[in-house]
Structures are given as C-alpha cells and as structure tokens.
Amino acid sequence: MVEITETLDCMGEVCPYPDVKSKRKVKKMKSGEVLEILIDYPLSAERIPETMKNLGHEVISVEKKDKSSWQILLRIK
C-alpha cells in the first residue's frame, strides 16, 4: 500500500490544465513524496504519466477508476 502525501484533483478540467497543474505541483513537493492525481480527461491520462517520466519522477500506477476517470500515482524524485 502506497501512502499518498498529496492529492491533486483535476476532475472536470481539460487540457492543458491537468498537465500544467501537475507540473506545478511536483515542483513544490519533496523527493520521496507521493502525489495522487485524479483526472477525467482521457488525453491527460496518457500525457501526464509520459511527462512525469520525462521529468524523472516514478509513475507508480495509472488506474482507471470507472469508465471516465483515472487515478495516477507518482513518486517524486
């Protein structure tokens, strides 16, 4: 079980807002912390994990919660 440090709720938001908000959020977090991102925009479910890997963070999981929402867990590096 992963202990979540902070949650970023981007439900109801479309690109580029979830992507931009997630990048801003990880900059404020410390190494080892875990960020949960909640989204319901399909493109962000693909783009956010890819962006975070490119920034050097660990993508713990991308889980589809129901037919239109996802939970992304990231460990900050």
PDB file of N, CA and C in Angstrom:
ATOM      1  N   MET A   1       0.844  -1.197   0.000  1.00  0.00           N
ATOM      2  CA  MET A   1       0.000   0.000   0.000  1.00  0.00           C
ATOM      3  C   MET A   1       0.881   1.251   0.000  1.00  0.00           C
ATOM      4  N   VAL A   2       0.612   2.128  -0.908  1.00  0.00           N
ATOM      5  CA  VAL A   2       1.387   3.360  -1.031  1.00  0.00           C
ATOM      6  C   VAL A   2       0.715   4.441  -0.196  1.00  0.00           C
ATOM      7  N   GLU A   3       1.523   5.151   0.576  1.00  0.00           N
ATOM      8  CA  GLU A   3       0.978   6.255   1.371  1.00  0.00           C
ATOM      9  C   GLU A   3       1.006   7.533   0.538  1.00  0.00           C
ATOM     10  N   ILE A   4      -0.177   8.091   0.297  1.00  0.00           N
ATOM     11  CA  ILE A   4      -0.299   9.291  -0.535  1.00  0.00           C
ATOM     12  C   ILE A   4       0.009  10.520   0.308  1.00  0.00           C
ATOM     13  N   THR A   5       0.922  11.358  -0.195  1.00  0.00           N
ATOM     14  CA  THR A   5       1.301  12.588   0.502  1.00  0.00           C
ATOM     15  C   THR A   5       0.311  13.708   0.196  1.00  0.00           C
ATOM     16  N   GLU A   6      -0.001  13.888  -1.094  1.00  0.00           N
ATOM     17  CA  GLU A   6      -0.915  14.955  -1.510  1.00  0.00           C
ATOM     18  C   GLU A   6      -1.774  14.488  -2.671  1.00  0.00           C
ATOM     19  N   THR A   7      -2.947  15.117  -2.811  1.00  0.00           N
ATOM     20  CA  THR A   7      -3.865  14.808  -3.903  1.00  0.00           C
ATOM     21  C   THR A   7      -4.105  16.062  -4.733  1.00  0.00           C
ATOM     22  N   LEU A   8      -4.050  15.902  -6.045  1.00  0.00           N
ATOM     23  CA  LEU A   8      -4.363  16.976  -6.986  1.00  0.00           C
ATOM     24  C   LEU A   8      -5.612  16.540  -7.755  1.00  0.00           C
ATOM     25  N   ASP A   9      -6.721  17.209  -7.494  1.00  0.00           N
ATOM     26  CA  ASP A   9      -7.997  16.853  -8.119  1.00  0.00           C
ATOM     27  C   ASP A   9      -8.220  17.734  -9.345  1.00  0.00           C
ATOM     28  N   CYS A  10      -8.132  17.112 -10.522  1.00  0.00           N
ATOM     29  CA  CYS A  10      -8.335  17.836 -11.781  1.00  0.00           C
ATOM     30  C   CYS A  10      -9.595  17.344 -12.496  1.00  0.00           C
ATOM     31  N   MET A  11     -10.528  16.815 -11.749  1.00  0.00           N
ATOM     32  CA  MET A  11     -11.773  16.318 -12.338  1.00  0.00           C
ATOM     33  C   MET A  11     -12.528  17.491 -12.964  1.00  0.00           C
ATOM     34  N   GLY A  12     -13.056  17.252 -14.163  1.00  0.00           N
ATOM     35  CA  GLY A  12     -13.816  18.293 -14.847  1.00  0.00           C
ATOM     36  C   GLY A  12     -12.973  19.283 -15.619  1.00  0.00           C
ATOM     37  N   GLU A  13     -11.651  19.098 -15.615  1.00  0.00           N
ATOM     38  CA  GLU A  13     -10.762  20.033 -16.315  1.00  0.00           C
ATOM     39  C   GLU A  13     -10.199  19.366 -17.569  1.00  0.00           C
ATOM     40  N   VAL A  14     -10.031  20.159 -18.623  1.00  0.00           N
ATOM     41  CA  VAL A  14      -9.490  19.640 -19.877  1.00  0.00           C
ATOM     42  C   VAL A  14      -8.115  20.254 -20.142  1.00  0.00           C
ATOM     43  N   CYS A  15      -7.407  19.662 -21.090  1.00  0.00           N
ATOM     44  CA  CYS A  15      -6.075  20.154 -21.467  1.00  0.00           C
ATOM     45  C   CYS A  15      -6.130  21.646 -21.789  1.00  0.00           C
ATOM     46  N   PRO A  16      -5.116  22.364 -21.384  1.00  0.00           N
ATOM     47  CA  PRO A  16      -3.867  21.877 -20.791  1.00  0.00           C
ATOM     48  C   PRO A  16      -3.865  21.912 -19.261  1.00  0.00           C
ATOM     49  N   TYR A  17      -4.983  22.222 -18.624  1.00  0.00           N
ATOM     50  CA  TYR A  17      -4.979  22.468 -17.177  1.00  0.00           C
ATOM     51  C   TYR A  17      -4.474  21.316 -16.314  1.00  0.00           C
ATOM     52  N   PRO A  18      -4.934  20.067 -16.495  1.00  0.00           N
ATOM     53  CA  PRO A  18      -4.391  18.996 -15.642  1.00  0.00           C
ATOM     54  C   PRO A  18      -2.884  18.829 -15.799  1.00  0.00           C
ATOM     55  N   ASP A  19      -2.392  18.956 -17.025  1.00  0.00           N
ATOM     56  CA  ASP A  19      -0.961  18.800 -17.295  1.00  0.00           C
ATOM     57  C   ASP A  19      -0.159  19.918 -16.618  1.00  0.00           C
ATOM     58  N   VAL A  20      -0.614  21.143 -16.781  1.00  0.00           N
ATOM     59  CA  VAL A  20       0.090  22.296 -16.210  1.00  0.00           C
ATOM     60  C   VAL A  20       0.057  22.237 -14.683  1.00  0.00           C
ATOM     61  N   LYS A  21      -1.098  21.953 -14.119  1.00  0.00           N
ATOM     62  CA  LYS A  21      -1.227  21.897 -12.656  1.00  0.00           C
ATOM     63  C   LYS A  21      -0.362  20.792 -12.067  1.00  0.00           C
ATOM     64  N   SER A  22      -0.287  19.651 -12.736  1.00  0.00           N
ATOM     65  CA  SER A  22       0.528  18.559 -12.201  1.00  0.00           C
ATOM     66  C   SER A  22       2.010  18.922 -12.224  1.00  0.00           C
ATOM     67  N   LYS A  23       2.472  19.593 -13.282  1.00  0.00           N
ATOM     68  CA  LYS A  23       3.880  20.020 -13.338  1.00  0.00           C
ATOM     69  C   LYS A  23       4.192  21.028 -12.233  1.00  0.00           C
ATOM     70  N   ARG A  24       3.282  21.963 -11.999  1.00  0.00           N
ATOM     71  CA  ARG A  24       3.490  22.951 -10.930  1.00  0.00           C
ATOM     72  C   ARG A  24       3.525  22.277  -9.567  1.00  0.00           C
ATOM     73  N   LYS A  25       2.638  21.296  -9.371  1.00  0.00           N
ATOM     74  CA  LYS A  25       2.533  20.616  -8.078  1.00  0.00           C
ATOM     75  C   LYS A  25       3.800  19.851  -7.739  1.00  0.00           C
ATOM     76  N   VAL A  26       4.348  19.094  -8.691  1.00  0.00           N
ATOM     77  CA  VAL A  26       5.531  18.290  -8.379  1.00  0.00           C
ATOM     78  C   VAL A  26       6.738  19.166  -8.049  1.00  0.00           C
ATOM     79  N   LYS A  27       6.797  20.360  -8.593  1.00  0.00           N
ATOM     80  CA  LYS A  27       7.907  21.275  -8.285  1.00  0.00           C
ATOM     81  C   LYS A  27       7.896  21.686  -6.823  1.00  0.00           C
ATOM     82  N   LYS A  28       6.722  21.678  -6.191  1.00  0.00           N
ATOM     83  CA  LYS A  28       6.586  22.108  -4.796  1.00  0.00           C
ATOM     84  C   LYS A  28       6.752  20.954  -3.804  1.00  0.00           C
ATOM     85  N   MET A  29       6.862  19.741  -4.328  1.00  0.00           N
ATOM     86  CA  MET A  29       6.933  18.576  -3.448  1.00  0.00           C
ATOM     87  C   MET A  29       8.373  18.115  -3.246  1.00  0.00           C
ATOM     88  N   LYS A  30       8.566  17.330  -2.165  1.00  0.00           N
ATOM     89  CA  LYS A  30       9.897  16.852  -1.810  1.00  0.00           C
ATOM     90  C   LYS A  30      10.133  15.453  -2.373  1.00  0.00           C
ATOM     91  N   SER A  31      11.385  15.120  -2.557  1.00  0.00           N
ATOM     92  CA  SER A  31      11.767  13.794  -3.046  1.00  0.00           C
ATOM     93  C   SER A  31      11.206  12.712  -2.125  1.00  0.00           C
ATOM     94  N   GLY A  32      10.629  11.672  -2.737  1.00  0.00           N
ATOM     95  CA  GLY A  32      10.078  10.560  -1.966  1.00  0.00           C
ATOM     96  C   GLY A  32       8.596  10.691  -1.667  1.00  0.00           C
ATOM     97  N   GLU A  33       8.046  11.894  -1.794  1.00  0.00           N
ATOM     98  CA  GLU A  33       6.623  12.080  -1.554  1.00  0.00           C
ATOM     99  C   GLU A  33       5.814  11.476  -2.699  1.00  0.00           C
ATOM    100  N   VAL A  34       4.556  11.144  -2.412  1.00  0.00           N
ATOM    101  CA  VAL A  34       3.686  10.520  -3.405  1.00  0.00           C
ATOM    102  C   VAL A  34       2.516  11.459  -3.709  1.00  0.00           C
ATOM    103  N   LEU A  35       2.341  11.733  -4.990  1.00  0.00           N
ATOM    104  CA  LEU A  35       1.248  12.595  -5.450  1.00  0.00           C
ATOM    105  C   LEU A  35       0.192  11.744  -6.133  1.00  0.00           C
ATOM    106  N   GLU A  36      -1.050  11.930  -5.715  1.00  0.00           N
ATOM    107  CA  GLU A  36      -2.192  11.313  -6.370  1.00  0.00           C
ATOM    108  C   GLU A  36      -2.841  12.378  -7.250  1.00  0.00           C
ATOM    109  N   ILE A  37      -3.018  12.056  -8.532  1.00  0.00           N
ATOM    110  CA  ILE A  37      -3.679  12.977  -9.460  1.00  0.00           C
ATOM    111  C   ILE A  37      -4.969  12.307  -9.919  1.00  0.00           C
ATOM    112  N   LEU A  38      -6.087  13.009  -9.759  1.00  0.00           N
ATOM    113  CA  LEU A  38      -7.390  12.500 -10.178  1.00  0.00           C
ATOM    114  C   LEU A  38      -7.832  13.269 -11.410  1.00  0.00           C
ATOM    115  N   ILE A  39      -8.130  12.543 -12.492  1.00  0.00           N
ATOM    116  CA  ILE A  39      -8.500  13.185 -13.753  1.00  0.00           C
ATOM    117  C   ILE A  39      -9.661  12.451 -14.407  1.00  0.00           C
ATOM    118  N   ASP A  40     -10.363  13.160 -15.279  1.00  0.00           N
ATOM    119  CA  ASP A  40     -11.414  12.518 -16.080  1.00  0.00           C
ATOM    120  C   ASP A  40     -11.318  12.926 -17.545  1.00  0.00           C
ATOM    121  N   TYR A  41     -10.123  13.360 -17.931  1.00  0.00           N
ATOM    122  CA  TYR A  41      -9.868  13.751 -19.311  1.00  0.00           C
ATOM    123  C   TYR A  41      -8.919  12.720 -19.922  1.00  0.00           C
ATOM    124  N   PRO A  42      -9.383  11.900 -20.887  1.00  0.00           N
ATOM    125  CA  PRO A  42      -8.585  10.774 -21.392  1.00  0.00           C
ATOM    126  C   PRO A  42      -7.186  11.129 -21.884  1.00  0.00           C
ATOM    127  N   LEU A  43      -7.040  12.249 -22.576  1.00  0.00           N
ATOM    128  CA  LEU A  43      -5.726  12.623 -23.094  1.00  0.00           C
ATOM    129  C   LEU A  43      -4.726  12.854 -21.962  1.00  0.00           C
ATOM    130  N   SER A  44      -5.182  13.438 -20.854  1.00  0.00           N
ATOM    131  CA  SER A  44      -4.296  13.657 -19.711  1.00  0.00           C
ATOM    132  C   SER A  44      -3.845  12.343 -19.083  1.00  0.00           C
ATOM    133  N   ALA A  45      -4.671  11.309 -19.156  1.00  0.00           N
ATOM    134  CA  ALA A  45      -4.298  10.001 -18.608  1.00  0.00           C
ATOM    135  C   ALA A  45      -3.097   9.428 -19.346  1.00  0.00           C
ATOM    136  N   GLU A  46      -2.906   9.838 -20.588  1.00  0.00           N
ATOM    137  CA  GLU A  46      -1.735   9.412 -21.354  1.00  0.00           C
ATOM    138  C   GLU A  46      -0.577  10.395 -21.198  1.00  0.00           C
ATOM    139  N   ARG A  47      -0.895  11.684 -21.260  1.00  0.00           N
ATOM    140  CA  ARG A  47       0.155  12.702 -21.286  1.00  0.00           C
ATOM    141  C   ARG A  47       0.841  12.916 -19.942  1.00  0.00           C
ATOM    142  N   ILE A  48       0.075  12.938 -18.857  1.00  0.00           N
ATOM    143  CA  ILE A  48       0.687  13.215 -17.547  1.00  0.00           C
ATOM    144  C   ILE A  48       1.737  12.156 -17.172  1.00  0.00           C
ATOM    145  N   PRO A  49       1.426  10.844 -17.249  1.00  0.00           N
ATOM    146  CA  PRO A  49       2.484   9.867 -16.907  1.00  0.00           C
ATOM    147  C   PRO A  49       3.724   9.993 -17.792  1.00  0.00           C
ATOM    148  N   GLU A  50       3.522  10.225 -19.080  1.00  0.00           N
ATOM    149  CA  GLU A  50       4.655  10.379 -20.001  1.00  0.00           C
ATOM    150  C   GLU A  50       5.507  11.586 -19.615  1.00  0.00           C
ATOM    151  N   THR A  51       4.854  12.710 -19.329  1.00  0.00           N
ATOM    152  CA  THR A  51       5.563  13.927 -18.920  1.00  0.00           C
ATOM    153  C   THR A  51       6.341  13.706 -17.630  1.00  0.00           C
ATOM    154  N   MET A  52       5.712  13.044 -16.647  1.00  0.00           N
ATOM    155  CA  MET A  52       6.367  12.835 -15.354  1.00  0.00           C
ATOM    156  C   MET A  52       7.576  11.919 -15.471  1.00  0.00           C
ATOM    157  N   LYS A  53       7.490  10.891 -16.325  1.00  0.00           N
ATOM    158  CA  LYS A  53       8.655  10.026 -16.570  1.00  0.00           C
ATOM    159  C   LYS A  53       9.791  10.846 -17.172  1.00  0.00           C
ATOM    160  N   ASN A  54       9.447  11.713 -18.131  1.00  0.00           N
ATOM    161  CA  ASN A  54      10.458  12.557 -18.773  1.00  0.00           C
ATOM    162  C   ASN A  54      11.103  13.520 -17.791  1.00  0.00           C
ATOM    163  N   LEU A  55      10.353  13.919 -16.755  1.00  0.00           N
ATOM    164  CA  LEU A  55      10.892  14.812 -15.724  1.00  0.00           C
ATOM    165  C   LEU A  55      11.679  14.041 -14.661  1.00  0.00           C
ATOM    166  N   GLY A  56      11.689  12.703 -14.767  1.00  0.00           N
ATOM    167  CA  GLY A  56      12.470  11.885 -13.840  1.00  0.00           C
ATOM    168  C   GLY A  56      11.707  11.332 -12.658  1.00  0.00           C
ATOM    169  N   HIS A  57      10.392  11.550 -12.594  1.00  0.00           N
ATOM    170  CA  HIS A  57       9.601  11.033 -11.486  1.00  0.00           C
ATOM    171  C   HIS A  57       9.171   9.601 -11.780  1.00  0.00           C
ATOM    172  N   GLU A  58       8.843   8.851 -10.724  1.00  0.00           N
ATOM    173  CA  GLU A  58       8.403   7.470 -10.884  1.00  0.00           C
ATOM    174  C   GLU A  58       6.882   7.420 -10.990  1.00  0.00           C
ATOM    175  N   VAL A  59       6.389   6.829 -12.057  1.00  0.00           N
ATOM    176  CA  VAL A  59       4.950   6.616 -12.202  1.00  0.00           C
ATOM    177  C   VAL A  59       4.643   5.279 -11.528  1.00  0.00           C
ATOM    178  N   ILE A  60       4.011   5.347 -10.351  1.00  0.00           N
ATOM    179  CA  ILE A  60       3.696   4.133  -9.595  1.00  0.00           C
ATOM    180  C   ILE A  60       2.554   3.387 -10.273  1.00  0.00           C
ATOM    181  N   SER A  61       1.505   4.124 -10.634  1.00  0.00           N
ATOM    182  CA  SER A  61       0.369   3.471 -11.286  1.00  0.00           C
ATOM    183  C   SER A  61      -0.499   4.481 -12.014  1.00  0.00           C
ATOM    184  N   VAL A  62      -1.192   3.982 -13.028  1.00  0.00           N
ATOM    185  CA  VAL A  62      -2.243   4.722 -13.728  1.00  0.00           C
ATOM    186  C   VAL A  62      -3.434   3.772 -13.727  1.00  0.00           C
ATOM    187  N   GLU A  63      -4.408   4.085 -12.914  1.00  0.00           N
ATOM    188  CA  GLU A  63      -5.532   3.164 -12.724  1.00  0.00           C
ATOM    189  C   GLU A  63      -6.840   3.802 -13.169  1.00  0.00           C
ATOM    190  N   LYS A  64      -7.541   3.089 -14.025  1.00  0.00           N
ATOM    191  CA  LYS A  64      -8.856   3.563 -14.464  1.00  0.00           C
ATOM    192  C   LYS A  64      -9.851   3.230 -13.363  1.00  0.00           C
ATOM    193  N   LYS A  65     -10.496   4.250 -12.796  1.00  0.00           N
ATOM    194  CA  LYS A  65     -11.395   4.055 -11.660  1.00  0.00           C
ATOM    195  C   LYS A  65     -12.810   3.677 -12.101  1.00  0.00           C
ATOM    196  N   ASP A  66     -13.246   4.265 -13.182  1.00  0.00           N
ATOM    197  CA  ASP A  66     -14.523   3.900 -13.785  1.00  0.00           C
ATOM    198  C   ASP A  66     -14.424   4.255 -15.260  1.00  0.00           C
ATOM    199  N   LYS A  67     -15.547   4.318 -15.968  1.00  0.00           N
ATOM    200  CA  LYS A  67     -15.433   4.485 -17.419  1.00  0.00           C
ATOM    201  C   LYS A  67     -14.862   5.826 -17.856  1.00  0.00           C
ATOM    202  N   SER A  68     -14.833   6.809 -16.966  1.00  0.00           N
ATOM    203  CA  SER A  68     -14.326   8.123 -17.393  1.00  0.00           C
ATOM    204  C   SER A  68     -13.424   8.821 -16.373  1.00  0.00           C
ATOM    205  N   SER A  69     -12.827   8.085 -15.449  1.00  0.00           N
ATOM    206  CA  SER A  69     -11.902   8.737 -14.518  1.00  0.00           C
ATOM    207  C   SER A  69     -10.703   7.840 -14.214  1.00  0.00           C
ATOM    208  N   TRP A  70      -9.580   8.487 -13.911  1.00  0.00           N
ATOM    209  CA  TRP A  70      -8.322   7.800 -13.642  1.00  0.00           C
ATOM    210  C   TRP A  70      -7.674   8.340 -12.375  1.00  0.00           C
ATOM    211  N   GLN A  71      -6.864   7.487 -11.768  1.00  0.00           N
ATOM    212  CA  GLN A  71      -6.014   7.890 -10.651  1.00  0.00           C
ATOM    213  C   GLN A  71      -4.578   7.613 -11.077  1.00  0.00           C
ATOM    214  N   ILE A  72      -3.749   8.636 -10.981  1.00  0.00           N
ATOM    215  CA  ILE A  72      -2.322   8.489 -11.297  1.00  0.00           C
ATOM    216  C   ILE A  72      -1.555   8.684  -9.989  1.00  0.00           C
ATOM    217  N   LEU A  73      -0.650   7.749  -9.680  1.00  0.00           N
ATOM    218  CA  LEU A  73       0.198   7.878  -8.511  1.00  0.00           C
ATOM    219  C   LEU A  73       1.637   8.076  -8.961  1.00  0.00           C
ATOM    220  N   LEU A  74       2.280   9.113  -8.414  1.00  0.00           N
ATOM    221  CA  LEU A  74       3.661   9.448  -8.755  1.00  0.00           C
ATOM    222  C   LEU A  74       4.515   9.523  -7.504  1.00  0.00           C
ATOM    223  N   ARG A  75       5.748   9.005  -7.588  1.00  0.00           N
ATOM    224  CA  ARG A  75       6.714   9.216  -6.508  1.00  0.00           C
ATOM    225  C   ARG A  75       7.678  10.278  -7.013  1.00  0.00           C
ATOM    226  N   ILE A  76       7.802  11.343  -6.244  1.00  0.00           N
ATOM    227  CA  ILE A  76       8.634  12.488  -6.620  1.00  0.00           C
ATOM    228  C   ILE A  76      10.114  12.125  -6.439  1.00  0.00           C
ATOM    229  N   LYS A  77      10.918  12.488  -7.420  1.00  0.00           N
ATOM    230  CA  LYS A  77      12.369  12.208  -7.369  1.00  0.00           C
ATOM    231  C   LYS A  77      13.136  13.449  -6.979  1.00  0.00           C
TER     232      LYS A  77
END
